């Protein structure tokens, strides 16, 4: 598991999961390199923005499932991010719905929080 707080890598992973167009192997490499909080933030954001009842959610959620199958450390890394104090702060203080369409803003906020 990585500890990278590289915003570019985090945004690339988010965009790949949200919009497709990237091979799962590329997404898995990006996920492995990221700080667990950022991976948790991406997954939580996508689940919030694309509830399973929304028809447009299907391809997004399928890509998340495909990534979890391609990267064996995915679940553990997400759990580690969930347990991080910044993960708790994110759940309590941030309205994830307000970031729909601008997930990069959420990631920027998380990176700033991690680096301070």
N, C-alpha and C. Protein backbone atom coordinates (compact mmCIF):
# COMPACT_ATOMS: atom_id res chain seq x y z
N UNK A 1 0.84 -1.18 0.00
CA UNK A 1 0.00 0.00 0.00
C UNK A 1 0.87 1.23 0.00
N UNK A 2 0.43 2.21 -0.75
CA UNK A 2 1.19 3.43 -0.85
C UNK A 2 0.78 4.47 0.16
N UNK A 3 1.49 5.54 0.13
CA UNK A 3 1.19 6.66 1.01
C UNK A 3 1.18 7.96 0.23
N UNK A 4 1.07 7.88 -1.08
CA UNK A 4 1.14 9.06 -1.91
C UNK A 4 -0.08 9.96 -1.71
N UNK A 5 0.19 11.23 -1.58
CA UNK A 5 -0.88 12.22 -1.53
C UNK A 5 -0.87 13.05 -2.82
N UNK A 6 -0.37 12.46 -3.89
CA UNK A 6 -0.29 13.12 -5.19
C UNK A 6 -1.71 13.37 -5.72
N UNK A 7 -2.08 14.63 -5.77
CA UNK A 7 -3.44 14.99 -6.21
C UNK A 7 -3.70 14.52 -7.63
N UNK A 8 -2.70 14.60 -8.50
CA UNK A 8 -2.87 14.19 -9.89
C UNK A 8 -3.25 12.70 -9.97
N UNK A 9 -2.57 11.86 -9.21
CA UNK A 9 -2.85 10.42 -9.21
C UNK A 9 -4.26 10.16 -8.67
N UNK A 10 -4.63 10.86 -7.60
CA UNK A 10 -5.96 10.69 -7.01
C UNK A 10 -7.05 11.10 -8.00
N UNK A 11 -6.87 12.22 -8.67
CA UNK A 11 -7.86 12.70 -9.64
C UNK A 11 -7.93 11.74 -10.83
N UNK A 12 -6.79 11.22 -11.26
CA UNK A 12 -6.76 10.25 -12.37
C UNK A 12 -7.56 9.00 -11.99
N UNK A 13 -7.39 8.52 -10.77
CA UNK A 13 -8.15 7.35 -10.32
C UNK A 13 -9.64 7.65 -10.25
N UNK A 14 -9.99 8.78 -9.66
CA UNK A 14 -11.40 9.18 -9.59
C UNK A 14 -12.01 9.26 -10.98
N UNK A 15 -11.34 9.94 -11.89
CA UNK A 15 -11.87 10.08 -13.25
C UNK A 15 -11.98 8.74 -13.96
N UNK A 16 -11.00 7.88 -13.75
CA UNK A 16 -11.05 6.56 -14.36
C UNK A 16 -12.23 5.74 -13.87
N UNK A 17 -12.51 5.82 -12.59
CA UNK A 17 -13.66 5.09 -12.04
C UNK A 17 -14.97 5.74 -12.44
N UNK A 18 -14.99 7.04 -12.44
CA UNK A 18 -16.24 7.75 -12.73
C UNK A 18 -16.59 7.72 -14.21
N UNK A 19 -15.59 7.88 -15.07
CA UNK A 19 -15.86 8.05 -16.50
C UNK A 19 -15.41 6.89 -17.37
N UNK A 20 -14.62 5.98 -16.82
CA UNK A 20 -14.12 4.86 -17.61
C UNK A 20 -12.96 5.30 -18.50
N UNK A 21 -12.61 4.44 -19.44
CA UNK A 21 -11.58 4.77 -20.40
C UNK A 21 -10.16 4.43 -19.98
N UNK A 22 -9.99 3.84 -18.79
CA UNK A 22 -8.67 3.44 -18.33
C UNK A 22 -8.68 1.94 -18.03
N UNK A 23 -7.63 1.24 -18.40
CA UNK A 23 -7.59 -0.19 -18.06
C UNK A 23 -7.55 -0.38 -16.55
N UNK A 24 -8.17 -1.45 -16.07
CA UNK A 24 -8.23 -1.70 -14.64
C UNK A 24 -6.84 -1.86 -14.05
N UNK A 25 -5.89 -2.37 -14.81
CA UNK A 25 -4.52 -2.52 -14.31
C UNK A 25 -3.91 -1.15 -13.99
N UNK A 26 -4.21 -0.17 -14.81
CA UNK A 26 -3.74 1.20 -14.57
C UNK A 26 -4.40 1.79 -13.32
N UNK A 27 -5.68 1.54 -13.17
CA UNK A 27 -6.40 2.02 -11.99
C UNK A 27 -5.88 1.33 -10.72
N UNK A 28 -5.59 0.04 -10.81
CA UNK A 28 -5.08 -0.70 -9.66
C UNK A 28 -3.72 -0.14 -9.23
N UNK A 29 -2.87 0.18 -10.18
CA UNK A 29 -1.56 0.75 -9.86
C UNK A 29 -1.73 2.09 -9.16
N UNK A 30 -2.64 2.90 -9.66
CA UNK A 30 -2.90 4.21 -9.02
C UNK A 30 -3.43 4.01 -7.61
N UNK A 31 -4.35 3.07 -7.43
CA UNK A 31 -4.94 2.82 -6.11
C UNK A 31 -3.88 2.34 -5.12
N UNK A 32 -3.01 1.46 -5.55
CA UNK A 32 -1.96 0.93 -4.68
C UNK A 32 -1.03 2.03 -4.18
N UNK A 33 -0.80 3.04 -5.01
CA UNK A 33 0.13 4.11 -4.67
C UNK A 33 -0.46 5.15 -3.74
N UNK A 34 -1.78 5.24 -3.67
CA UNK A 34 -2.42 6.32 -2.92
C UNK A 34 -2.45 6.08 -1.42
N UNK A 35 -2.43 7.17 -0.70
CA UNK A 35 -2.68 7.13 0.74
C UNK A 35 -4.06 6.49 0.93
N UNK A 36 -4.20 5.61 1.91
CA UNK A 36 -5.49 4.94 2.13
C UNK A 36 -6.67 5.91 2.30
N UNK A 37 -6.44 7.04 2.91
CA UNK A 37 -7.53 8.00 3.08
C UNK A 37 -8.06 8.47 1.73
N UNK A 38 -7.17 8.71 0.79
CA UNK A 38 -7.61 9.19 -0.52
C UNK A 38 -8.41 8.12 -1.26
N UNK A 39 -7.97 6.86 -1.16
CA UNK A 39 -8.74 5.78 -1.78
C UNK A 39 -10.11 5.67 -1.12
N UNK A 40 -10.14 5.70 0.20
CA UNK A 40 -11.41 5.67 0.92
C UNK A 40 -12.29 6.85 0.51
N UNK A 41 -11.71 8.04 0.41
CA UNK A 41 -12.46 9.22 0.02
C UNK A 41 -13.06 9.08 -1.37
N UNK A 42 -12.29 8.53 -2.30
CA UNK A 42 -12.79 8.33 -3.67
C UNK A 42 -13.97 7.37 -3.67
N UNK A 43 -13.81 6.24 -3.01
CA UNK A 43 -14.87 5.22 -2.99
C UNK A 43 -16.12 5.75 -2.29
N UNK A 44 -15.93 6.42 -1.18
CA UNK A 44 -17.07 6.97 -0.43
C UNK A 44 -17.78 8.03 -1.25
N UNK A 45 -17.01 8.88 -1.90
CA UNK A 45 -17.58 9.92 -2.76
C UNK A 45 -18.40 9.29 -3.89
N UNK A 46 -17.85 8.27 -4.55
CA UNK A 46 -18.57 7.64 -5.66
C UNK A 46 -19.84 6.94 -5.19
N UNK A 47 -19.77 6.29 -4.05
CA UNK A 47 -20.99 5.63 -3.52
C UNK A 47 -22.05 6.65 -3.15
N UNK A 48 -21.63 7.80 -2.66
CA UNK A 48 -22.57 8.85 -2.31
C UNK A 48 -23.16 9.51 -3.55
N UNK A 49 -22.33 9.73 -4.55
CA UNK A 49 -22.75 10.42 -5.77
C UNK A 49 -23.54 9.53 -6.71
N UNK A 50 -23.29 8.23 -6.63
CA UNK A 50 -23.93 7.28 -7.54
C UNK A 50 -24.58 6.15 -6.75
N UNK A 51 -25.71 6.44 -6.10
CA UNK A 51 -26.39 5.37 -5.36
C UNK A 51 -26.85 4.27 -6.33
N UNK A 52 -26.88 3.06 -5.84
CA UNK A 52 -27.22 1.91 -6.68
C UNK A 52 -28.58 2.04 -7.35
N UNK A 53 -29.46 2.84 -6.80
CA UNK A 53 -30.80 3.02 -7.39
C UNK A 53 -30.78 3.94 -8.61
N UNK A 54 -29.68 4.64 -8.83
CA UNK A 54 -29.54 5.55 -9.97
C UNK A 54 -29.03 4.77 -11.17
N UNK A 55 -29.77 4.76 -12.30
CA UNK A 55 -29.34 3.98 -13.47
C UNK A 55 -27.95 4.35 -13.99
N UNK A 56 -27.53 5.59 -13.86
CA UNK A 56 -26.20 5.98 -14.34
C UNK A 56 -25.09 5.46 -13.42
N UNK A 57 -25.48 4.93 -12.27
CA UNK A 57 -24.48 4.43 -11.31
C UNK A 57 -23.89 3.10 -11.73
N UNK A 58 -24.61 2.32 -12.49
CA UNK A 58 -24.19 0.96 -12.79
C UNK A 58 -22.76 0.87 -13.32
N UNK A 59 -22.39 1.60 -14.37
CA UNK A 59 -21.01 1.45 -14.86
C UNK A 59 -19.96 1.94 -13.87
N UNK A 60 -20.28 2.97 -13.11
CA UNK A 60 -19.34 3.49 -12.11
C UNK A 60 -19.10 2.44 -11.03
N UNK A 61 -20.17 1.91 -10.48
CA UNK A 61 -20.05 0.92 -9.41
C UNK A 61 -19.43 -0.38 -9.92
N UNK A 62 -19.69 -0.73 -11.18
CA UNK A 62 -19.06 -1.92 -11.77
C UNK A 62 -17.54 -1.73 -11.86
N UNK A 63 -17.10 -0.52 -12.20
CA UNK A 63 -15.66 -0.26 -12.26
C UNK A 63 -15.02 -0.35 -10.87
N UNK A 64 -15.73 0.12 -9.84
CA UNK A 64 -15.22 0.01 -8.47
C UNK A 64 -15.09 -1.47 -8.08
N UNK A 65 -16.09 -2.26 -8.41
CA UNK A 65 -16.05 -3.70 -8.11
C UNK A 65 -14.92 -4.37 -8.89
N UNK A 66 -14.77 -4.00 -10.15
CA UNK A 66 -13.69 -4.56 -10.97
C UNK A 66 -12.32 -4.21 -10.38
N UNK A 67 -12.17 -2.98 -9.92
CA UNK A 67 -10.91 -2.57 -9.29
C UNK A 67 -10.66 -3.37 -8.02
N UNK A 68 -11.70 -3.57 -7.22
CA UNK A 68 -11.51 -4.32 -5.98
C UNK A 68 -11.10 -5.77 -6.26
N UNK A 69 -11.52 -6.30 -7.40
CA UNK A 69 -11.11 -7.65 -7.78
C UNK A 69 -9.70 -7.70 -8.33
N UNK A 70 -9.26 -6.62 -8.94
CA UNK A 70 -7.93 -6.58 -9.55
C UNK A 70 -6.84 -6.21 -8.55
N UNK A 71 -7.21 -5.57 -7.47
CA UNK A 71 -6.24 -5.12 -6.48
C UNK A 71 -6.59 -5.75 -5.14
N UNK A 72 -5.82 -6.75 -4.75
CA UNK A 72 -6.15 -7.54 -3.56
C UNK A 72 -6.13 -6.74 -2.26
N UNK A 73 -5.40 -5.65 -2.20
CA UNK A 73 -5.33 -4.84 -0.98
C UNK A 73 -6.39 -3.75 -0.91
N UNK A 74 -7.28 -3.72 -1.88
CA UNK A 74 -8.28 -2.65 -1.99
C UNK A 74 -9.12 -2.49 -0.72
N UNK A 75 -9.72 -3.58 -0.27
CA UNK A 75 -10.62 -3.50 0.89
C UNK A 75 -9.85 -3.08 2.14
N UNK A 76 -8.69 -3.67 2.37
CA UNK A 76 -7.90 -3.32 3.55
C UNK A 76 -7.46 -1.86 3.51
N UNK A 77 -7.08 -1.39 2.33
CA UNK A 77 -6.64 -0.01 2.20
C UNK A 77 -7.80 0.95 2.45
N UNK A 78 -8.98 0.62 1.94
CA UNK A 78 -10.16 1.46 2.20
C UNK A 78 -10.50 1.47 3.69
N UNK A 79 -10.40 0.32 4.32
CA UNK A 79 -10.69 0.24 5.76
C UNK A 79 -9.70 1.08 6.55
N UNK A 80 -8.44 1.04 6.16
CA UNK A 80 -7.42 1.86 6.82
C UNK A 80 -7.76 3.35 6.67
N UNK A 81 -8.20 3.75 5.49
CA UNK A 81 -8.61 5.14 5.26
C UNK A 81 -9.83 5.52 6.07
N UNK A 82 -10.76 4.59 6.20
CA UNK A 82 -11.97 4.83 6.99
C UNK A 82 -11.61 5.06 8.46
N UNK A 83 -10.63 4.33 8.95
CA UNK A 83 -10.22 4.43 10.34
C UNK A 83 -9.34 5.65 10.63
N UNK A 84 -8.84 6.29 9.60
CA UNK A 84 -7.99 7.47 9.76
C UNK A 84 -8.80 8.61 10.39
N UNK A 85 -8.21 9.40 11.27
CA UNK A 85 -8.94 10.53 11.86
C UNK A 85 -9.49 11.51 10.82
N UNK A 86 -8.79 11.66 9.71
CA UNK A 86 -9.30 12.55 8.65
C UNK A 86 -10.52 11.92 7.98
N UNK A 87 -10.56 10.59 7.92
CA UNK A 87 -11.75 9.90 7.40
C UNK A 87 -12.96 10.18 8.26
N UNK A 88 -12.75 10.17 9.57
CA UNK A 88 -13.83 10.49 10.49
C UNK A 88 -14.27 11.94 10.30
N UNK A 89 -13.31 12.84 10.18
CA UNK A 89 -13.60 14.26 9.94
C UNK A 89 -14.42 14.41 8.65
N UNK A 90 -14.02 13.68 7.60
CA UNK A 90 -14.72 13.77 6.32
C UNK A 90 -16.18 13.34 6.48
N UNK A 91 -16.41 12.23 7.17
CA UNK A 91 -17.78 11.73 7.35
C UNK A 91 -18.64 12.70 8.15
N UNK A 92 -18.04 13.36 9.15
CA UNK A 92 -18.80 14.24 10.03
C UNK A 92 -18.97 15.65 9.50
N UNK A 93 -18.01 16.14 8.75
CA UNK A 93 -17.99 17.56 8.40
C UNK A 93 -18.27 17.88 6.93
N UNK A 94 -18.20 16.90 6.05
CA UNK A 94 -18.31 17.20 4.62
C UNK A 94 -19.59 16.62 4.04
N UNK A 95 -20.30 17.45 3.30
CA UNK A 95 -21.46 17.00 2.55
C UNK A 95 -20.95 16.54 1.18
N UNK A 96 -20.80 15.24 1.01
CA UNK A 96 -20.22 14.71 -0.22
C UNK A 96 -21.07 15.05 -1.44
N UNK A 97 -22.38 15.15 -1.27
CA UNK A 97 -23.26 15.49 -2.40
C UNK A 97 -22.91 16.86 -2.98
N UNK A 98 -22.41 17.75 -2.16
CA UNK A 98 -22.07 19.09 -2.65
C UNK A 98 -20.87 19.07 -3.59
N UNK A 99 -20.14 17.95 -3.63
CA UNK A 99 -18.98 17.84 -4.50
C UNK A 99 -19.28 17.09 -5.79
N UNK A 100 -20.52 16.68 -6.01
CA UNK A 100 -20.86 15.96 -7.25
C UNK A 100 -20.51 16.84 -8.45
N UNK A 101 -19.79 16.26 -9.38
CA UNK A 101 -19.35 17.00 -10.56
C UNK A 101 -18.04 17.74 -10.35
N UNK A 102 -17.55 17.73 -9.14
CA UNK A 102 -16.26 18.37 -8.84
C UNK A 102 -15.53 17.62 -7.74
N UNK A 103 -15.41 16.33 -7.98
CA UNK A 103 -14.73 15.45 -7.03
C UNK A 103 -13.28 15.85 -6.80
N UNK A 104 -12.69 16.50 -7.81
CA UNK A 104 -11.30 16.96 -7.63
C UNK A 104 -11.20 17.97 -6.49
N UNK A 105 -12.25 18.73 -6.26
CA UNK A 105 -12.26 19.68 -5.14
C UNK A 105 -12.24 18.96 -3.80
N UNK A 106 -12.97 17.86 -3.71
CA UNK A 106 -12.96 17.05 -2.50
C UNK A 106 -11.56 16.48 -2.28
N UNK A 107 -10.97 15.94 -3.33
CA UNK A 107 -9.63 15.36 -3.20
C UNK A 107 -8.60 16.42 -2.81
N UNK A 108 -8.72 17.60 -3.37
CA UNK A 108 -7.81 18.70 -3.01
C UNK A 108 -7.95 19.01 -1.51
N UNK A 109 -9.16 19.04 -1.03
CA UNK A 109 -9.41 19.30 0.39
C UNK A 109 -8.80 18.20 1.27
N UNK A 110 -8.96 16.95 0.87
CA UNK A 110 -8.39 15.84 1.63
C UNK A 110 -6.87 15.86 1.63
N UNK A 111 -6.28 16.17 0.48
CA UNK A 111 -4.81 16.26 0.40
C UNK A 111 -4.31 17.37 1.32
N UNK A 112 -4.98 18.53 1.29
CA UNK A 112 -4.58 19.64 2.17
C UNK A 112 -4.66 19.21 3.63
N UNK A 113 -5.72 18.50 3.99
CA UNK A 113 -5.90 18.05 5.36
C UNK A 113 -4.81 17.05 5.77
N UNK A 114 -4.46 16.16 4.85
CA UNK A 114 -3.41 15.18 5.13
C UNK A 114 -2.04 15.83 5.29
N UNK A 115 -1.81 16.87 4.52
CA UNK A 115 -0.48 17.48 4.51
C UNK A 115 -0.29 18.55 5.57
N UNK A 116 -1.32 18.81 6.37
CA UNK A 116 -1.16 19.80 7.45
C UNK A 116 -1.06 19.14 8.80
